[in-house]
Every structure is written in C-alpha cells, then in structure tokens.
C-alpha atoms as a PDB file:
ATOM      1  CA  UNK A   1      46.927-111.138   7.043  1.00  0.00           C
ATOM      2  CA  UNK A   2      44.811-113.148   9.553  1.00  0.00           C
ATOM      3  CA  UNK A   3      41.032-112.770   9.197  1.00  0.00           C
ATOM      4  CA  UNK A   4      39.313-110.308  11.475  1.00  0.00           C
ATOM      5  CA  UNK A   5      37.419-112.175  14.224  1.00  0.00           C
ATOM      6  CA  UNK A   6      34.709-110.820  16.489  1.00  0.00           C
ATOM      7  CA  UNK A   7      34.408-114.231  18.178  1.00  0.00           C
ATOM      8  CA  UNK A   8      37.164-116.601  19.213  1.00  0.00           C
ATOM      9  CA  UNK A   9      35.976-119.998  20.384  1.00  0.00           C
ATOM     10  CA  UNK A  10      37.348-123.390  21.227  1.00  0.00           C
ATOM     11  CA  UNK A  11      35.680-126.111  23.298  1.00  0.00           C
ATOM     12  CA  UNK A  12      35.295-124.656  26.812  1.00  0.00           C
ATOM     13  CA  UNK A  13      36.687-121.201  25.941  1.00  0.00           C
ATOM     14  CA  UNK A  14      35.016-118.086  24.442  1.00  0.00           C
ATOM     15  CA  UNK A  15      36.467-114.631  23.794  1.00  0.00           C
ATOM     16  CA  UNK A  16      34.893-111.639  22.146  1.00  0.00           C
ATOM     17  CA  UNK A  17      36.402-108.555  20.579  1.00  0.00           C
ATOM     18  CA  UNK A  18      35.174-105.575  22.658  1.00  0.00           C
ATOM     19  CA  UNK A  19      33.711-103.439  19.923  1.00  0.00           C
ATOM     20  CA  UNK A  20      33.163-100.451  22.175  1.00  0.00           C
ATOM     21  CA  UNK A  21      36.957 -99.946  22.175  1.00  0.00           C
ATOM     22  CA  UNK A  22      37.286 -99.935  18.398  1.00  0.00           C
ATOM     23  CA  UNK A  23      38.981 -98.454  16.489  1.00  0.00           C
ATOM     24  CA  UNK A  24      41.439 -97.214  19.171  1.00  0.00           C
ATOM     25  CA  UNK A  25      42.017-100.585  20.816  1.00  0.00           C
ATOM     26  CA  UNK A  26      41.703-104.184  19.611  1.00  0.00           C
ATOM     27  CA  UNK A  27      41.105-106.060  22.844  1.00  0.00           C
ATOM     28  CA  UNK A  28      39.614-109.516  23.445  1.00  0.00           C
ATOM     29  CA  UNK A  29      37.594-110.261  26.513  1.00  0.00           C
ATOM     30  CA  UNK A  30      36.967-113.682  28.005  1.00  0.00           C
ATOM     31  CA  UNK A  31      33.317-114.755  28.361  1.00  0.00           C
ATOM     32  CA  UNK A  32      32.983-117.597  30.829  1.00  0.00           C
ATOM     33  CA  UNK A  33      29.260-117.515  31.645  1.00  0.00           C
ATOM     34  CA  UNK A  34      25.831-116.705  30.240  1.00  0.00           C
ATOM     35  CA  UNK A  35      25.649-113.748  32.591  1.00  0.00           C
ATOM     36  CA  UNK A  36      28.848-112.328  31.152  1.00  0.00           C
ATOM     37  CA  UNK A  37      27.514-112.862  27.642  1.00  0.00           C
ATOM     38  CA  UNK A  38      24.226-111.105  28.542  1.00  0.00           C
ATOM     39  CA  UNK A  39      26.157-108.103  29.910  1.00  0.00           C
ATOM     40  CA  UNK A  40      28.433-107.920  26.849  1.00  0.00           C
ATOM     41  CA  UNK A  41      25.411-108.067  24.482  1.00  0.00           C
ATOM     42  CA  UNK A  42      23.487-105.530  26.503  1.00  0.00           C
ATOM     43  CA  UNK A  43      26.428-103.123  26.575  1.00  0.00           C
ATOM     44  CA  UNK A  44      26.963-103.644  22.789  1.00  0.00           C
ATOM     45  CA  UNK A  45      30.502-104.946  23.260  1.00  0.00           C
ATOM     46  CA  UNK A  46      29.189-107.516  20.795  1.00  0.00           C
ATOM     47  CA  UNK A  47      26.464-106.516  18.347  1.00  0.00           C
ATOM     48  CA  UNK A  48      24.901-107.633  15.101  1.00  0.00           C
ATOM     49  CA  UNK A  49      22.103-110.161  15.239  1.00  0.00           C
ATOM     50  CA  UNK A  50      24.157-113.143  14.036  1.00  0.00           C
ATOM     51  CA  UNK A  51      27.021-112.431  16.443  1.00  0.00           C
ATOM     52  CA  UNK A  52      24.610-111.895  19.323  1.00  0.00           C
ATOM     53  CA  UNK A  53      23.049-115.321  18.838  1.00  0.00           C
ATOM     54  CA  UNK A  54      26.444-116.988  18.440  1.00  0.00           C
ATOM     55  CA  UNK A  55      27.915-115.450  21.547  1.00  0.00           C
ATOM     56  CA  UNK A  56      24.788-116.221  23.552  1.00  0.00           C
ATOM     57  CA  UNK A  57      24.678-119.884  22.592  1.00  0.00           C
ATOM     58  CA  UNK A  58      28.423-120.411  22.846  1.00  0.00           C
ATOM     59  CA  UNK A  59      28.433-118.932  26.331  1.00  0.00           C
ATOM     60  CA  UNK A  60      25.885-121.568  27.328  1.00  0.00           C
ATOM     61  CA  UNK A  61      28.099-124.203  25.715  1.00  0.00           C
ATOM     62  CA  UNK A  62      31.008-123.026  27.866  1.00  0.00           C
ATOM     63  CA  UNK A  63      28.884-123.289  31.006  1.00  0.00           C
ATOM     64  CA  UNK A  64      27.683-126.761  30.097  1.00  0.00           C
ATOM     65  CA  UNK A  65      31.236-127.892  29.342  1.00  0.00           C
ATOM     66  CA  UNK A  66      32.168-126.774  32.849  1.00  0.00           C
ATOM     67  CA  UNK A  67      29.332-128.832  34.343  1.00  0.00           C
ATOM     68  CA  UNK A  68      26.547-126.351  34.923  1.00  0.00           C
ATOM     69  CA  UNK A  69      22.910-127.485  34.979  1.00  0.00           C
ATOM     70  CA  UNK A  70      21.214-130.555  36.502  1.00  0.00           C
ATOM     71  CA  UNK A  71      21.289-132.851  38.319  1.00  0.00           C
ATOM     72  CA  UNK A  72      18.857-134.949  36.297  1.00  0.00           C
ATOM     73  CA  UNK A  73      17.640-134.659  32.730  1.00  0.00           C
ATOM     74  CA  UNK A  74      14.558-132.553  33.484  1.00  0.00           C
ATOM     75  CA  UNK A  75      16.559-130.054  35.495  1.00  0.00           C
ATOM     76  CA  UNK A  76      19.250-129.845  32.825  1.00  0.00           C
ATOM     77  CA  UNK A  77      16.739-129.165  30.042  1.00  0.00           C
ATOM     78  CA  UNK A  78      15.039-126.537  32.216  1.00  0.00           C
ATOM     79  CA  UNK A  79      18.376-124.939  32.908  1.00  0.00           C
ATOM     80  CA  UNK A  80      19.138-124.736  29.180  1.00  0.00           C
ATOM     81  CA  UNK A  81      15.755-123.177  28.395  1.00  0.00           C
ATOM     82  CA  UNK A  82      15.999-120.680  31.274  1.00  0.00           C
ATOM     83  CA  UNK A  83      19.493-119.536  30.326  1.00  0.00           C
ATOM     84  CA  UNK A  84      18.475-119.134  26.675  1.00  0.00           C
ATOM     85  CA  UNK A  85      15.366-117.149  27.624  1.00  0.00           C
ATOM     86  CA  UNK A  86      17.534-114.932  29.793  1.00  0.00           C
ATOM     87  CA  UNK A  87      19.875-114.271  26.898  1.00  0.00           C
ATOM     88  CA  UNK A  88      17.001-113.152  24.673  1.00  0.00           C
ATOM     89  CA  UNK A  89      16.252-110.303  27.093  1.00  0.00           C
ATOM     90  CA  UNK A  90      19.658-108.702  26.470  1.00  0.00           C
ATOM     91  CA  UNK A  91      18.612-107.409  22.992  1.00  0.00           C
ATOM     92  CA  UNK A  92      14.978-108.520  22.369  1.00  0.00           C
ATOM     93  CA  UNK A  93      14.911-107.228  18.805  1.00  0.00           C
ATOM     94  CA  UNK A  94      17.869-109.415  17.746  1.00  0.00           C
ATOM     95  CA  UNK A  95      15.690-112.119  16.217  1.00  0.00           C
ATOM     96  CA  UNK A  96      18.580-114.528  15.636  1.00  0.00           C
ATOM     97  CA  UNK A  97      18.939-115.013  19.435  1.00  0.00           C
ATOM     98  CA  UNK A  98      15.234-115.679  19.924  1.00  0.00           C
ATOM     99  CA  UNK A  99      15.181-118.201  17.060  1.00  0.00           C
ATOM    100  CA  UNK A 100      18.339-119.922  18.337  1.00  0.00           C
ATOM    101  CA  UNK A 101      16.894-120.075  21.867  1.00  0.00           C
ATOM    102  CA  UNK A 102      13.783-121.829  20.628  1.00  0.00           C
ATOM    103  CA  UNK A 103      15.634-124.302  18.378  1.00  0.00           C
ATOM    104  CA  UNK A 104      18.418-125.051  20.822  1.00  0.00           C
ATOM    105  CA  UNK A 105      15.939-125.583  23.707  1.00  0.00           C
ATOM    106  CA  UNK A 106      13.962-127.959  21.562  1.00  0.00           C
ATOM    107  CA  UNK A 107      17.129-129.858  20.626  1.00  0.00           C
ATOM    108  CA  UNK A 108      18.002-130.314  24.291  1.00  0.00           C
ATOM    109  CA  UNK A 109      14.480-131.562  25.096  1.00  0.00           C
ATOM    110  CA  UNK A 110      14.493-134.025  22.144  1.00  0.00           C
ATOM    111  CA  UNK A 111      17.808-135.460  23.209  1.00  0.00           C
ATOM    112  CA  UNK A 112      16.554-135.945  26.739  1.00  0.00           C
ATOM    113  CA  UNK A 113      13.524-137.924  25.470  1.00  0.00           C
ATOM    114  CA  UNK A 114      15.598-140.536  23.621  1.00  0.00           C
ATOM    115  CA  UNK A 115      15.853-144.034  25.080  1.00  0.00           C
ATOM    116  CA  UNK A 116      18.933-144.279  27.269  1.00  0.00           C
ATOM    117  CA  UNK A 117      19.402-140.501  27.379  1.00  0.00           C
ATOM    118  CA  UNK A 118      22.021-139.187  29.735  1.00  0.00           C
ATOM    119  CA  UNK A 119      23.020-135.747  31.005  1.00  0.00           C
ATOM    120  CA  UNK A 120      26.304-136.087  29.173  1.00  0.00           C
ATOM    121  CA  UNK A 121      24.487-136.683  25.862  1.00  0.00           C
ATOM    122  CA  UNK A 122      22.214-133.695  26.363  1.00  0.00           C
ATOM    123  CA  UNK A 123      25.183-131.441  27.180  1.00  0.00           C
ATOM    124  CA  UNK A 124      27.055-132.694  24.104  1.00  0.00           C
ATOM    125  CA  UNK A 125      24.009-132.093  21.870  1.00  0.00           C
ATOM    126  CA  UNK A 126      23.704-128.483  23.008  1.00  0.00           C
ATOM    127  CA  UNK A 127      27.429-127.837  22.766  1.00  0.00           C
ATOM    128  CA  UNK A 128      27.642-129.308  19.274  1.00  0.00           C
ATOM    129  CA  UNK A 129      24.590-127.352  18.141  1.00  0.00           C
ATOM    130  CA  UNK A 130      26.158-124.101  19.207  1.00  0.00           C
ATOM    131  CA  UNK A 131      29.485-125.017  17.616  1.00  0.00           C
ATOM    132  CA  UNK A 132      27.699-125.914  14.361  1.00  0.00           C
ATOM    133  CA  UNK A 133      25.952-122.502  14.418  1.00  0.00           C
ATOM    134  CA  UNK A 134      29.380-120.871  14.278  1.00  0.00           C
ATOM    135  CA  UNK A 135      30.533-122.919  11.290  1.00  0.00           C
ATOM    136  CA  UNK A 136      27.230-122.605   9.457  1.00  0.00           C
ATOM    137  CA  UNK A 137      27.077-118.851   9.862  1.00  0.00           C
ATOM    138  CA  UNK A 138      30.546-118.369   8.352  1.00  0.00           C
ATOM    139  CA  UNK A 139      29.721-120.703   5.440  1.00  0.00           C
ATOM    140  CA  UNK A 140      26.405-118.902   4.810  1.00  0.00           C
ATOM    141  CA  UNK A 141      28.117-115.550   4.864  1.00  0.00           C
ATOM    142  CA  UNK A 142      30.555-116.562   2.132  1.00  0.00           C
ATOM    143  CA  UNK A 143      27.667-117.899   0.028  1.00  0.00           C
ATOM    144  CA  UNK A 144      25.734-114.663   0.536  1.00  0.00           C
ATOM    145  CA  UNK A 145      28.811-112.647  -0.407  1.00  0.00           C
ATOM    146  CA  UNK A 146      29.389-114.580  -3.628  1.00  0.00           C
ATOM    147  CA  UNK A 147      25.755-114.597  -4.698  1.00  0.00           C
ATOM    148  CA  UNK A 148      25.347-110.889  -3.987  1.00  0.00           C
ATOM    149  CA  UNK A 149      28.535-109.960  -5.748  1.00  0.00           C
ATOM    150  CA  UNK A 150      27.585-111.775  -8.940  1.00  0.00           C
ATOM    151  CA  UNK A 151      24.068-110.331  -8.809  1.00  0.00           C
ATOM    152  CA  UNK A 152      25.413-106.792  -8.566  1.00  0.00           C
ATOM    153  CA  UNK A 153      27.888-107.371 -11.394  1.00  0.00           C
ATOM    154  CA  UNK A 154      25.213-108.795 -13.684  1.00  0.00           C
ATOM    155  CA  UNK A 155      22.979-105.721 -13.076  1.00  0.00           C
ATOM    156  CA  UNK A 156      25.475-102.904 -12.815  1.00  0.00           C
ATOM    157  CA  UNK A 157      28.840-103.801 -14.247  1.00  0.00           C
ATOM    158  CA  UNK A 158      28.754-105.077 -17.824  1.00  0.00           C
ATOM    159  CA  UNK A 159      31.859-106.182 -19.749  1.00  0.00           C
ATOM    160  CA  UNK A 160      34.134-106.686 -16.770  1.00  0.00           C
ATOM    161  CA  UNK A 161      33.845-103.158 -15.309  1.00  0.00           C
ATOM    162  CA  UNK A 162      34.007-102.375 -11.620  1.00  0.00           C
ATOM    163  CA  UNK A 163      31.316-101.223  -9.246  1.00  0.00           C
ATOM    164  CA  UNK A 164      31.137 -98.591  -6.477  1.00  0.00           C
ATOM    165  CA  UNK A 165      29.096 -99.609  -3.473  1.00  0.00           C
ATOM    166  CA  UNK A 166      27.582 -97.663  -0.594  1.00  0.00           C
ATOM    167  CA  UNK A 167      26.981 -99.468   2.698  1.00  0.00           C
ATOM    168  CA  UNK A 168      25.360 -98.420   5.994  1.00  0.00           C
ATOM    169  CA  UNK A 169      26.001 -99.493   9.573  1.00  0.00           C
ATOM    170  CA  UNK A 170      28.199-102.603  10.065  1.00  0.00           C
ATOM    171  CA  UNK A 171      27.316-105.936   8.493  1.00  0.00           C
ATOM    172  CA  UNK A 172      30.757-107.492   8.302  1.00  0.00           C
ATOM    173  CA  UNK A 173      32.977-109.877  10.272  1.00  0.00           C
ATOM    174  CA  UNK A 174      32.319-107.867  13.423  1.00  0.00           C
ATOM    175  CA  UNK A 175      28.567-108.571  13.242  1.00  0.00           C
ATOM    176  CA  UNK A 176      28.787-112.220  12.345  1.00  0.00           C
ATOM    177  CA  UNK A 177      30.902-115.356  12.664  1.00  0.00           C
ATOM    178  CA  UNK A 178      33.170-113.739  10.072  1.00  0.00           C
ATOM    179  CA  UNK A 179      33.192-112.378   6.538  1.00  0.00           C
ATOM    180  CA  UNK A 180      29.802-110.668   6.881  1.00  0.00           C
ATOM    181  CA  UNK A 181      26.499-110.397   5.033  1.00  0.00           C
ATOM    182  CA  UNK A 182      26.157-107.086   3.111  1.00  0.00           C
ATOM    183  CA  UNK A 183      29.822-106.298   3.757  1.00  0.00           C
ATOM    184  CA  UNK A 184      30.495-109.881   2.702  1.00  0.00           C
ATOM    185  CA  UNK A 185      29.199-108.952  -0.749  1.00  0.00           C
ATOM    186  CA  UNK A 186      31.760-106.106  -0.788  1.00  0.00           C
ATOM    187  CA  UNK A 187      34.499-108.529   0.244  1.00  0.00           C
ATOM    188  CA  UNK A 188      33.569-110.900  -2.561  1.00  0.00           C
ATOM    189  CA  UNK A 189      33.608-108.080  -5.082  1.00  0.00           C
ATOM    190  CA  UNK A 190      37.012-107.059  -3.867  1.00  0.00           C
ATOM    191  CA  UNK A 191      38.304-110.640  -4.022  1.00  0.00           C
ATOM    192  CA  UNK A 192      37.057-110.850  -7.634  1.00  0.00           C
ATOM    193  CA  UNK A 193      38.892-107.658  -8.578  1.00  0.00           C
ATOM    194  CA  UNK A 194      35.563-105.987  -9.496  1.00  0.00           C
ATOM    195  CA  UNK A 195      35.226-103.423  -6.713  1.00  0.00           C
ATOM    196  CA  UNK A 196      36.141 -99.849  -7.530  1.00  0.00           C
ATOM    197  CA  UNK A 197      35.330 -98.077  -4.260  1.00  0.00           C
ATOM    198  CA  UNK A 198      33.192 -98.233  -1.151  1.00  0.00           C
ATOM    199  CA  UNK A 199      31.373 -95.402   0.589  1.00  0.00           C
ATOM    200  CA  UNK A 200      30.471 -96.124   4.205  1.00  0.00           C
ATOM    201  CA  UNK A 201      28.206 -93.938   6.319  1.00  0.00           C
ATOM    202  CA  UNK A 202      29.054 -92.888   9.899  1.00  0.00           C
ATOM    203  CA  UNK A 203      25.887 -94.426  11.321  1.00  0.00           C
ATOM    204  CA  UNK A 204      25.078 -92.368  14.386  1.00  0.00           C
ATOM    205  CA  UNK A 205      24.679 -92.530  17.356  1.00  0.00           C
ATOM    206  CA  UNK A 206      26.960 -95.591  17.848  1.00  0.00           C
ATOM    207  CA  UNK A 207      29.021 -94.783  14.782  1.00  0.00           C
ATOM    208  CA  UNK A 208      29.112 -98.413  13.637  1.00  0.00           C
ATOM    209  CA  UNK A 209      30.097 -97.244  10.193  1.00  0.00           C
ATOM    210  CA  UNK A 210      32.791 -94.834  11.201  1.00  0.00           C
ATOM    211  CA  UNK A 211      34.246 -97.086  13.934  1.00  0.00           C
ATOM    212  CA  UNK A 212      33.591-100.623  12.701  1.00  0.00           C
ATOM    213  CA  UNK A 213      32.901-100.758   8.977  1.00  0.00           C
ATOM    214  CA  UNK A 214      35.713 -98.287   8.277  1.00  0.00           C
ATOM    215  CA  UNK A 215      37.967-100.365  10.584  1.00  0.00           C
ATOM    216  CA  UNK A 216      37.190-103.539   8.613  1.00  0.00           C
ATOM    217  CA  UNK A 217      37.715-101.853   5.242  1.00  0.00           C
ATOM    218  CA  UNK A 218      41.078-100.359   6.279  1.00  0.00           C
ATOM    219  CA  UNK A 219      42.113-103.700   7.863  1.00  0.00           C
ATOM    220  CA  UNK A 220      41.514-105.520   4.613  1.00  0.00           C
ATOM    221  CA  UNK A 221      42.940-102.679   2.461  1.00  0.00           C
ATOM    222  CA  UNK A 222      39.646-102.191   0.586  1.00  0.00           C
ATOM    223  CA  UNK A 223      39.454 -98.697  -1.084  1.00  0.00           C
ATOM    224  CA  UNK A 224      36.838 -96.761   0.896  1.00  0.00           C
ATOM    225  CA  UNK A 225      35.600 -93.303   1.921  1.00  0.00           C
ATOM    226  CA  UNK A 226      33.687 -92.299   4.996  1.00  0.00           C
ATOM    227  CA  UNK A 227      30.711 -89.960   4.553  1.00  0.00           C
ATOM    228  CA  UNK A 228      28.062 -88.508   6.872  1.00  0.00           C
ATOM    229  CA  UNK A 229      24.700 -90.202   7.093  1.00  0.00           C
ATOM    230  CA  UNK A 230      23.058 -87.239   5.412  1.00  0.00           C
ATOM    231  CA  UNK A 231      25.323 -87.447   2.344  1.00  0.00           C
ATOM    232  CA  UNK A 232      24.109 -90.923   1.162  1.00  0.00           C
ATOM    233  CA  UNK A 233      21.792 -89.479  -1.506  1.00  0.00           C
ATOM    234  CA  UNK A 234      24.489 -87.022  -2.692  1.00  0.00           C
ATOM    235  CA  UNK A 235      27.067 -89.810  -2.917  1.00  0.00           C
ATOM    236  CA  UNK A 236      24.704 -91.938  -4.998  1.00  0.00           C
ATOM    237  CA  UNK A 237      23.873 -89.054  -7.312  1.00  0.00           C
ATOM    238  CA  UNK A 238      27.430 -87.641  -7.411  1.00  0.00           C
ATOM    239  CA  UNK A 239      28.062 -88.549 -11.098  1.00  0.00           C
ATOM    240  CA  UNK A 240      24.573 -87.451 -12.348  1.00  0.00           C
ATOM    241  CA  UNK A 241      24.482 -84.170 -14.286  1.00  0.00           C
ATOM    242  CA  UNK A 242      21.735 -82.981 -11.826  1.00  0.00           C
ATOM    243  CA  UNK A 243      23.422 -80.719  -9.235  1.00  0.00           C
ATOM    244  CA  UNK A 244      26.879 -81.086 -10.656  1.00  0.00           C
ATOM    245  CA  UNK A 245      27.009 -77.445 -11.641  1.00  0.00           C
ATOM    246  CA  UNK A 246      26.551 -76.409  -7.997  1.00  0.00           C
ATOM    247  CA  UNK A 247      29.846 -75.849  -6.233  1.00  0.00           C
ATOM    248  CA  UNK A 248      29.617 -77.397  -2.752  1.00  0.00           C
ATOM    249  CA  UNK A 249      32.009 -76.365   0.015  1.00  0.00           C
ATOM    250  CA  UNK A 250      34.007 -79.316   1.296  1.00  0.00           C
ATOM    251  CA  UNK A 251      34.750 -79.235   5.011  1.00  0.00           C
ATOM    252  CA  UNK A 252      37.859 -80.618   6.781  1.00  0.00           C
ATOM    253  CA  UNK A 253      37.842 -84.371   7.292  1.00  0.00           C
ATOM    254  CA  UNK A 254      38.423 -83.987  11.035  1.00  0.00           C
ATOM    255  CA  UNK A 255      34.909 -82.657  11.457  1.00  0.00           C
ATOM    256  CA  UNK A 256      33.688 -86.128  10.624  1.00  0.00           C
ATOM    257  CA  UNK A 257      36.453 -88.294  12.084  1.00  0.00           C
ATOM    258  CA  UNK A 258      36.814 -86.457  15.445  1.00  0.00           C
ATOM    259  CA  UNK A 259      34.373 -85.376  18.129  1.00  0.00           C
ATOM    260  CA  UNK A 260      35.567 -82.736  20.643  1.00  0.00           C
ATOM    261  CA  UNK A 261      39.124 -83.560  19.656  1.00  0.00           C
ATOM    262  CA  UNK A 262      38.726 -87.310  20.157  1.00  0.00           C
ATOM    263  CA  UNK A 263      39.143 -89.587  17.136  1.00  0.00           C
ATOM    264  CA  UNK A 264      36.080 -91.787  16.604  1.00  0.00           C
ATOM    265  CA  UNK A 265      36.664 -93.061  13.065  1.00  0.00           C
ATOM    266  CA  UNK A 266      39.061 -95.794  12.055  1.00  0.00           C
ATOM    267  CA  UNK A 267      42.553 -94.385  11.213  1.00  0.00           C
ATOM    268  CA  UNK A 268      43.390 -94.597   7.564  1.00  0.00           C
ATOM    269  CA  UNK A 269      39.861 -94.255   6.224  1.00  0.00           C
ATOM    270  CA  UNK A 270      39.299 -91.663   3.459  1.00  0.00           C
ATOM    271  CA  UNK A 271      36.755 -88.918   4.103  1.00  0.00           C
ATOM    272  CA  UNK A 272      34.313 -86.948   1.957  1.00  0.00           C
ATOM    273  CA  UNK A 273      32.668 -84.139   3.917  1.00  0.00           C
ATOM    274  CA  UNK A 274      30.628 -81.774   1.799  1.00  0.00           C
ATOM    275  CA  UNK A 275      28.926 -79.016   3.764  1.00  0.00           C
ATOM    276  CA  UNK A 276      25.556 -79.369   2.038  1.00  0.00           C
ATOM    277  CA  UNK A 277      23.374 -82.001   0.359  1.00  0.00           C
ATOM    278  CA  UNK A 278      21.871 -81.602  -3.108  1.00  0.00           C
ATOM    279  CA  UNK A 279      18.444 -83.067  -3.818  1.00  0.00           C
ATOM    280  CA  UNK A 280      18.158 -84.270  -7.442  1.00  0.00           C
ATOM    281  CA  UNK A 281      15.372 -82.307  -9.100  1.00  0.00           C
ATOM    282  CA  UNK A 282      13.585 -85.451 -10.316  1.00  0.00           C
ATOM    283  CA  UNK A 283      12.930 -86.378  -6.683  1.00  0.00           C
ATOM    284  CA  UNK A 284      10.925 -83.190  -6.083  1.00  0.00           C
ATOM    285  CA  UNK A 285       7.350 -84.160  -6.833  1.00  0.00           C
ATOM    286  CA  UNK A 286       5.364 -81.306  -5.313  1.00  0.00           C
ATOM    287  CA  UNK A 287       7.175 -78.221  -6.432  1.00  0.00           C
ATOM    288  CA  UNK A 288       9.615 -75.521  -5.313  1.00  0.00           C
ATOM    289  CA  UNK A 289       7.985 -72.765  -3.302  1.00  0.00           C
ATOM    290  CA  UNK A 290       9.208 -69.236  -4.100  1.00  0.00           C
ATOM    291  CA  UNK A 291       7.984 -65.714  -3.431  1.00  0.00           C
ATOM    292  CA  UNK A 292       6.680 -65.739  -7.017  1.00  0.00           C
ATOM    293  CA  UNK A 293       4.745 -68.947  -6.682  1.00  0.00           C
ATOM    294  CA  UNK A 294       5.183 -72.708  -6.647  1.00  0.00           C
ATOM    295  CA  UNK A 295       6.979 -74.194  -9.671  1.00  0.00           C
ATOM    296  CA  UNK A 296       7.872 -77.623 -10.970  1.00  0.00           C
ATOM    297  CA  UNK A 297      11.714 -78.007 -11.039  1.00  0.00           C
ATOM    298  CA  UNK A 298      11.869 -78.119 -14.795  1.00  0.00           C
ATOM    299  CA  UNK A 299       9.903 -74.814 -15.081  1.00  0.00           C
ATOM    300  CA  UNK A 300      11.658 -72.911 -12.303  1.00  0.00           C
ATOM    301  CA  UNK A 301      14.463 -71.402 -14.398  1.00  0.00           C
ATOM    302  CA  UNK A 302      12.163 -69.887 -17.065  1.00  0.00           C
ATOM    303  CA  UNK A 303       9.619 -68.742 -14.441  1.00  0.00           C
ATOM    304  CA  UNK A 304      12.178 -66.655 -12.601  1.00  0.00           C
ATOM    305  CA  UNK A 305      13.821 -64.987 -15.599  1.00  0.00           C
END
C-alpha cells in the first residue's frame, strides 16, 4: 500500500490533498503560486503546522523555479521576504510558517551577500532549503514516532504486552510531510506489533479526528474506534472499577458518524457512542451536593442509607 501523502512535490510542481473533501473524496489540487498556497492554507485545505510551513515554502520554490522575483539581487531577496511574510498571514498561529519565513528569508539574504552572488544562486538556495524542509520533516517524524513508541512501552507495557492509545485531532501524515508526530508514535507502535487499539476523538468543529485521523487509521488498517470528544475521560477510565457497575446506554453509531444524514466520518472506522459520561469518584474533590447535604464520594453511600 503506498504511503498516504498530504503533499506531492517535485522540482517546479506542487500538489496538495484537499482535506476539506476527506473522507468522501481523495482529490489532489495543483498549487502553482504563493497566492494559491495562501488560499489553500486559509481555507484549511491543508492544515497542521508542519504541513502549512511546507506548502508555503514549496509554493515559493515553485514560483522561483518559474522565474518570479527580481531583477537584481536586492529585488529578489525583497520578493522572497515579502512572499513569506504574506504566507504567515494565512494562519498566524501556525508557528512553523513564521519560523520558516524568518529562516528562509535570512538564507536568501546571506546567499545574496556572498562574493560573486547571482540571482540563479539565490533562487537555488531558497528552492533547496524548501526541499530540504520536506525531507527533514519526514525524517524527524519517524524519529519522533520511534522514540515515543519506546517511551510508552517502557512506561505502560511491561513484558511485551500491547498498549491502547487515545489521540485527539489529527497529527499524522495529513498534518506533516508524512508519517506524523503523535500519530507517528501510534504508527511506530503498530509497526512494532505492540499496539492493541486506538481511540480517536471526533474533534469538533472541523472534525479532524472523525474525518482525517479515522481516515488515516482505516487506510493503514490500524485497529481503531471513534468516540465523541466528551467521552475521552470515560474511554481512559473504561477498565477502572469506578463506574463500571453503572449501565450506560449505547447509542447508534450513525449519531456520531453522520450529521443530518450526511456521512462525516471515515468509512470503516469503529464507533463507541455511550449516551452519558461517568466521572471517576476520585476526581471529585469538593463533594456531591444532595438534598441531604454535601458529601465526599466515599461517604455518600452510607450517608444516604
């Protein structure tokens, strides 16, 4: 099975997977300019801080490959900085883009200050820098995945047992150059044969968990179940004796996967849809208020007899 790609790049050509169409459609869209990249980032066709920075910088690389900027070294460096600053405004909180804009702009300026500098050399420096970002992000994701997997196993899975992991939002191949960060840890656990199950939250209002993380998990055949955002605590406490004696109604899965009859979750994902949450009693620090008074959880039963 080919790896899932949010970004497809070759020198002079950039395509992105339109994530607004997932999971119903898997459609790649050509990005030929910084303006197109800005619009795709702003509309959240591409999202995730690493992917935003990569698409932004690679779109500038495509423009420079086509001859944009200049004439003259000063004008070319100014063009690079202006385009990068413009890209930052698409999603200002995506710090990866701001950091890349600063570093890439500085790289262009440094190249222009070298003896014998040419426009061609400055263009090549910027293009190579953006291309190296793509390679480095993928390599770093795999390192993060392996380190995180071994850390979890050392802490939570003695003697070769498997772990169950809960993940929120989308931190996988769709948010990065590939593989993913937090979801990369889950991939590494799966590759090691040490992953028992994954719970992913829906992540409203954009449903990145239901649409994107679930899509990635199904795509890679990783055992997973979709839950509502409000069920995270219940899922983590599911095997604790606290609350286990309470019978909770389980609602149809379609209530979570569909909205007004339209499927929003990735097909093939399992669903756990309890109607109510249960707060473990040891998390109640103040007390339970009743018509007979306020009682600590461990004293409530005897107080009401």
